Amino acid sequence: MGKTKISKQNLVISGAPLTNDEFKNMIRDAEKGPFFSMQETTQIIVKWKSKYAK
């Protein structure tokens, strides 16, 4: 078996490499976002379905 080449470029976003610090900052930003309980999430989905159901 041959050796596997490991790219040092992170292609999380196509065409744009992402560093570890950028990734950690994105995670921190997401953690600040709104979080909903299961009941709230169910209500949001029901409203969305009733709005877009055909």
PDB file of N, CA and C in Angstrom:
ATOM      1  N   MET A   1       0.832  -1.176   0.000  1.00  0.00           N
ATOM      2  CA  MET A   1       0.000   0.000   0.000  1.00  0.00           C
ATOM      3  C   MET A   1       0.880   1.243   0.000  1.00  0.00           C
ATOM      4  N   GLY A   2       0.425   2.236  -0.720  1.00  0.00           N
ATOM      5  CA  GLY A   2       1.168   3.488  -0.789  1.00  0.00           C
ATOM      6  C   GLY A   2       0.819   4.405   0.360  1.00  0.00           C
ATOM      7  N   LYS A   3       1.592   5.448   0.451  1.00  0.00           N
ATOM      8  CA  LYS A   3       1.344   6.435   1.495  1.00  0.00           C
ATOM      9  C   LYS A   3       0.183   7.326   1.084  1.00  0.00           C
ATOM     10  N   THR A   4      -0.598   7.720   2.064  1.00  0.00           N
ATOM     11  CA  THR A   4      -1.718   8.607   1.809  1.00  0.00           C
ATOM     12  C   THR A   4      -1.252  10.050   1.946  1.00  0.00           C
ATOM     13  N   LYS A   5      -1.586  10.869   0.954  1.00  0.00           N
ATOM     14  CA  LYS A   5      -1.233  12.276   1.031  1.00  0.00           C
ATOM     15  C   LYS A   5      -2.264  12.989   1.898  1.00  0.00           C
ATOM     16  N   ILE A   6      -1.793  13.784   2.834  1.00  0.00           N
ATOM     17  CA  ILE A   6      -2.676  14.540   3.698  1.00  0.00           C
ATOM     18  C   ILE A   6      -2.526  16.010   3.342  1.00  0.00           C
ATOM     19  N   SER A   7      -3.609  16.613   2.930  1.00  0.00           N
ATOM     20  CA  SER A   7      -3.596  18.022   2.578  1.00  0.00           C
ATOM     21  C   SER A   7      -3.630  18.865   3.844  1.00  0.00           C
ATOM     22  N   LYS A   8      -2.807  19.897   3.894  1.00  0.00           N
ATOM     23  CA  LYS A   8      -2.815  20.788   5.043  1.00  0.00           C
ATOM     24  C   LYS A   8      -3.844  21.888   4.871  1.00  0.00           C
ATOM     25  N   GLN A   9      -4.519  21.895   3.751  1.00  0.00           N
ATOM     26  CA  GLN A   9      -5.539  22.888   3.480  1.00  0.00           C
ATOM     27  C   GLN A   9      -6.888  22.333   3.907  1.00  0.00           C
ATOM     28  N   ASN A  10      -7.606  23.102   4.694  1.00  0.00           N
ATOM     29  CA  ASN A  10      -8.914  22.690   5.182  1.00  0.00           C
ATOM     30  C   ASN A  10      -9.976  23.245   4.249  1.00  0.00           C
ATOM     31  N   LEU A  11     -10.729  22.388   3.599  1.00  0.00           N
ATOM     32  CA  LEU A  11     -11.721  22.827   2.617  1.00  0.00           C
ATOM     33  C   LEU A  11     -13.142  22.677   3.147  1.00  0.00           C
ATOM     34  N   VAL A  12     -13.395  23.224   4.316  1.00  0.00           N
ATOM     35  CA  VAL A  12     -14.732  23.142   4.888  1.00  0.00           C
ATOM     36  C   VAL A  12     -15.719  23.908   4.024  1.00  0.00           C
ATOM     37  N   ILE A  13     -15.319  25.099   3.604  1.00  0.00           N
ATOM     38  CA  ILE A  13     -16.136  25.904   2.705  1.00  0.00           C
ATOM     39  C   ILE A  13     -15.473  25.823   1.340  1.00  0.00           C
ATOM     40  N   SER A  14     -16.214  25.412   0.331  1.00  0.00           N
ATOM     41  CA  SER A  14     -15.608  25.209  -0.975  1.00  0.00           C
ATOM     42  C   SER A  14     -14.952  26.490  -1.470  1.00  0.00           C
ATOM     43  N   GLY A  15     -13.704  26.370  -1.867  1.00  0.00           N
ATOM     44  CA  GLY A  15     -12.969  27.503  -2.414  1.00  0.00           C
ATOM     45  C   GLY A  15     -12.340  28.396  -1.372  1.00  0.00           C
ATOM     46  N   ALA A  16     -12.616  28.188  -0.086  1.00  0.00           N
ATOM     47  CA  ALA A  16     -12.060  29.050   0.954  1.00  0.00           C
ATOM     48  C   ALA A  16     -11.514  28.211   2.104  1.00  0.00           C
ATOM     49  N   PRO A  17     -10.198  28.194   2.288  1.00  0.00           N
ATOM     50  CA  PRO A  17      -9.635  27.437   3.410  1.00  0.00           C
ATOM     51  C   PRO A  17     -10.063  28.043   4.749  1.00  0.00           C
ATOM     52  N   LEU A  18     -10.183  27.224   5.767  1.00  0.00           N
ATOM     53  CA  LEU A  18     -10.655  27.667   7.077  1.00  0.00           C
ATOM     54  C   LEU A  18      -9.617  27.269   8.119  1.00  0.00           C
ATOM     55  N   THR A  19      -9.114  28.253   8.865  1.00  0.00           N
ATOM     56  CA  THR A  19      -8.127  27.965   9.900  1.00  0.00           C
ATOM     57  C   THR A  19      -8.831  27.490  11.162  1.00  0.00           C
ATOM     58  N   ASN A  20      -8.048  26.908  12.067  1.00  0.00           N
ATOM     59  CA  ASN A  20      -8.615  26.445  13.333  1.00  0.00           C
ATOM     60  C   ASN A  20      -9.215  27.596  14.122  1.00  0.00           C
ATOM     61  N   ASP A  21      -8.540  28.757  14.147  1.00  0.00           N
ATOM     62  CA  ASP A  21      -9.059  29.911  14.882  1.00  0.00           C
ATOM     63  C   ASP A  21     -10.376  30.396  14.292  1.00  0.00           C
ATOM     64  N   GLU A  22     -10.476  30.441  12.970  1.00  0.00           N
ATOM     65  CA  GLU A  22     -11.721  30.856  12.320  1.00  0.00           C
ATOM     66  C   GLU A  22     -12.846  29.886  12.668  1.00  0.00           C
ATOM     67  N   PHE A  23     -12.517  28.595  12.663  1.00  0.00           N
ATOM     68  CA  PHE A  23     -13.515  27.575  12.992  1.00  0.00           C
ATOM     69  C   PHE A  23     -13.993  27.746  14.430  1.00  0.00           C
ATOM     70  N   LYS A  24     -13.073  27.947  15.354  1.00  0.00           N
ATOM     71  CA  LYS A  24     -13.440  28.131  16.756  1.00  0.00           C
ATOM     72  C   LYS A  24     -14.293  29.378  16.939  1.00  0.00           C
ATOM     73  N   ASN A  25     -13.981  30.441  16.231  1.00  0.00           N
ATOM     74  CA  ASN A  25     -14.778  31.665  16.317  1.00  0.00           C
ATOM     75  C   ASN A  25     -16.189  31.445  15.791  1.00  0.00           C
ATOM     76  N   MET A  26     -16.323  30.665  14.721  1.00  0.00           N
ATOM     77  CA  MET A  26     -17.651  30.366  14.176  1.00  0.00           C
ATOM     78  C   MET A  26     -18.469  29.565  15.186  1.00  0.00           C
ATOM     79  N   ILE A  27     -17.834  28.626  15.885  1.00  0.00           N
ATOM     80  CA  ILE A  27     -18.513  27.828  16.907  1.00  0.00           C
ATOM     81  C   ILE A  27     -18.970  28.730  18.046  1.00  0.00           C
ATOM     82  N   ARG A  28     -18.101  29.634  18.491  1.00  0.00           N
ATOM     83  CA  ARG A  28     -18.460  30.561  19.578  1.00  0.00           C
ATOM     84  C   ARG A  28     -19.637  31.438  19.175  1.00  0.00           C
ATOM     85  N   ASP A  29     -19.649  31.918  17.938  1.00  0.00           N
ATOM     86  CA  ASP A  29     -20.768  32.731  17.458  1.00  0.00           C
ATOM     87  C   ASP A  29     -22.068  31.926  17.450  1.00  0.00           C
ATOM     88  N   ALA A  30     -21.988  30.667  17.029  1.00  0.00           N
ATOM     89  CA  ALA A  30     -23.180  29.818  16.987  1.00  0.00           C
ATOM     90  C   ALA A  30     -23.711  29.545  18.392  1.00  0.00           C
ATOM     91  N   GLU A  31     -22.817  29.411  19.365  1.00  0.00           N
ATOM     92  CA  GLU A  31     -23.237  29.150  20.738  1.00  0.00           C
ATOM     93  C   GLU A  31     -23.987  30.334  21.337  1.00  0.00           C
ATOM     94  N   LYS A  32     -23.781  31.521  20.808  1.00  0.00           N
ATOM     95  CA  LYS A  32     -24.476  32.719  21.302  1.00  0.00           C
ATOM     96  C   LYS A  32     -25.886  32.830  20.724  1.00  0.00           C
ATOM     97  N   GLY A  33     -26.175  32.052  19.714  1.00  0.00           N
ATOM     98  CA  GLY A  33     -27.448  32.151  19.006  1.00  0.00           C
ATOM     99  C   GLY A  33     -28.635  31.691  19.831  1.00  0.00           C
ATOM    100  N   PRO A  34     -29.835  31.820  19.269  1.00  0.00           N
ATOM    101  CA  PRO A  34     -31.042  31.421  19.986  1.00  0.00           C
ATOM    102  C   PRO A  34     -31.182  29.896  20.052  1.00  0.00           C
ATOM    103  N   PHE A  35     -31.625  29.415  21.202  1.00  0.00           N
ATOM    104  CA  PHE A  35     -31.884  27.991  21.367  1.00  0.00           C
ATOM    105  C   PHE A  35     -33.335  27.839  21.807  1.00  0.00           C
ATOM    106  N   PHE A  36     -34.001  26.796  21.322  1.00  0.00           N
ATOM    107  CA  PHE A  36     -35.409  26.589  21.604  1.00  0.00           C
ATOM    108  C   PHE A  36     -35.624  25.243  22.276  1.00  0.00           C
ATOM    109  N   SER A  37     -36.665  25.179  23.101  1.00  0.00           N
ATOM    110  CA  SER A  37     -37.048  23.900  23.701  1.00  0.00           C
ATOM    111  C   SER A  37     -37.719  23.048  22.626  1.00  0.00           C
ATOM    112  N   MET A  38     -37.964  21.792  22.943  1.00  0.00           N
ATOM    113  CA  MET A  38     -38.617  20.906  21.979  1.00  0.00           C
ATOM    114  C   MET A  38     -40.028  21.392  21.662  1.00  0.00           C
ATOM    115  N   GLN A  39     -40.757  21.899  22.664  1.00  0.00           N
ATOM    116  CA  GLN A  39     -42.112  22.389  22.430  1.00  0.00           C
ATOM    117  C   GLN A  39     -42.081  23.609  21.507  1.00  0.00           C
ATOM    118  N   GLU A  40     -41.149  24.530  21.768  1.00  0.00           N
ATOM    119  CA  GLU A  40     -41.037  25.721  20.920  1.00  0.00           C
ATOM    120  C   GLU A  40     -40.669  25.329  19.484  1.00  0.00           C
ATOM    121  N   THR A  41     -39.762  24.385  19.355  1.00  0.00           N
ATOM    122  CA  THR A  41     -39.347  23.932  18.032  1.00  0.00           C
ATOM    123  C   THR A  41     -40.515  23.300  17.290  1.00  0.00           C
ATOM    124  N   THR A  42     -41.300  22.484  17.978  1.00  0.00           N
ATOM    125  CA  THR A  42     -42.469  21.850  17.364  1.00  0.00           C
ATOM    126  C   THR A  42     -43.466  22.909  16.890  1.00  0.00           C
ATOM    127  N   GLN A  43     -43.697  23.929  17.706  1.00  0.00           N
ATOM    128  CA  GLN A  43     -44.621  25.000  17.324  1.00  0.00           C
ATOM    129  C   GLN A  43     -44.105  25.759  16.101  1.00  0.00           C
ATOM    130  N   ILE A  44     -42.814  26.025  16.060  1.00  0.00           N
ATOM    131  CA  ILE A  44     -42.224  26.731  14.919  1.00  0.00           C
ATOM    132  C   ILE A  44     -42.397  25.912  13.640  1.00  0.00           C
ATOM    133  N   ILE A  45     -42.164  24.607  13.742  1.00  0.00           N
ATOM    134  CA  ILE A  45     -42.295  23.732  12.570  1.00  0.00           C
ATOM    135  C   ILE A  45     -43.748  23.659  12.111  1.00  0.00           C
ATOM    136  N   VAL A  46     -44.684  23.558  13.059  1.00  0.00           N
ATOM    137  CA  VAL A  46     -46.110  23.506  12.701  1.00  0.00           C
ATOM    138  C   VAL A  46     -46.510  24.792  11.987  1.00  0.00           C
ATOM    139  N   LYS A  47     -46.078  25.949  12.492  1.00  0.00           N
ATOM    140  CA  LYS A  47     -46.381  27.230  11.836  1.00  0.00           C
ATOM    141  C   LYS A  47     -45.784  27.276  10.436  1.00  0.00           C
ATOM    142  N   TRP A  48     -44.542  26.798  10.314  1.00  0.00           N
ATOM    143  CA  TRP A  48     -43.870  26.808   9.018  1.00  0.00           C
ATOM    144  C   TRP A  48     -44.613  25.912   8.025  1.00  0.00           C
ATOM    145  N   LYS A  49     -45.018  24.715   8.489  1.00  0.00           N
ATOM    146  CA  LYS A  49     -45.744  23.790   7.620  1.00  0.00           C
ATOM    147  C   LYS A  49     -47.080  24.372   7.177  1.00  0.00           C
ATOM    148  N   SER A  50     -47.802  25.004   8.113  1.00  0.00           N
ATOM    149  CA  SER A  50     -49.107  25.557   7.744  1.00  0.00           C
ATOM    150  C   SER A  50     -48.960  26.727   6.761  1.00  0.00           C
ATOM    151  N   LYS A  51     -47.864  27.439   6.852  1.00  0.00           N
ATOM    152  CA  LYS A  51     -47.629  28.570   5.947  1.00  0.00           C
ATOM    153  C   LYS A  51     -47.272  28.080   4.541  1.00  0.00           C
ATOM    154  N   TYR A  52     -46.464  27.025   4.457  1.00  0.00           N
ATOM    155  CA  TYR A  52     -45.956  26.590   3.156  1.00  0.00           C
ATOM    156  C   TYR A  52     -46.619  25.324   2.609  1.00  0.00           C
ATOM    157  N   ALA A  53     -47.548  24.736   3.349  1.00  0.00           N
ATOM    158  CA  ALA A  53     -48.236  23.525   2.871  1.00  0.00           C
ATOM    159  C   ALA A  53     -49.141  23.885   1.711  1.00  0.00           C
ATOM    160  N   LYS A  54     -49.187  23.019   0.728  1.00  0.00           N
ATOM    161  CA  LYS A  54     -50.026  23.285  -0.443  1.00  0.00           C
ATOM    162  C   LYS A  54     -51.066  22.217  -0.594  1.00  0.00           C
TER     163      LYS A  54
END
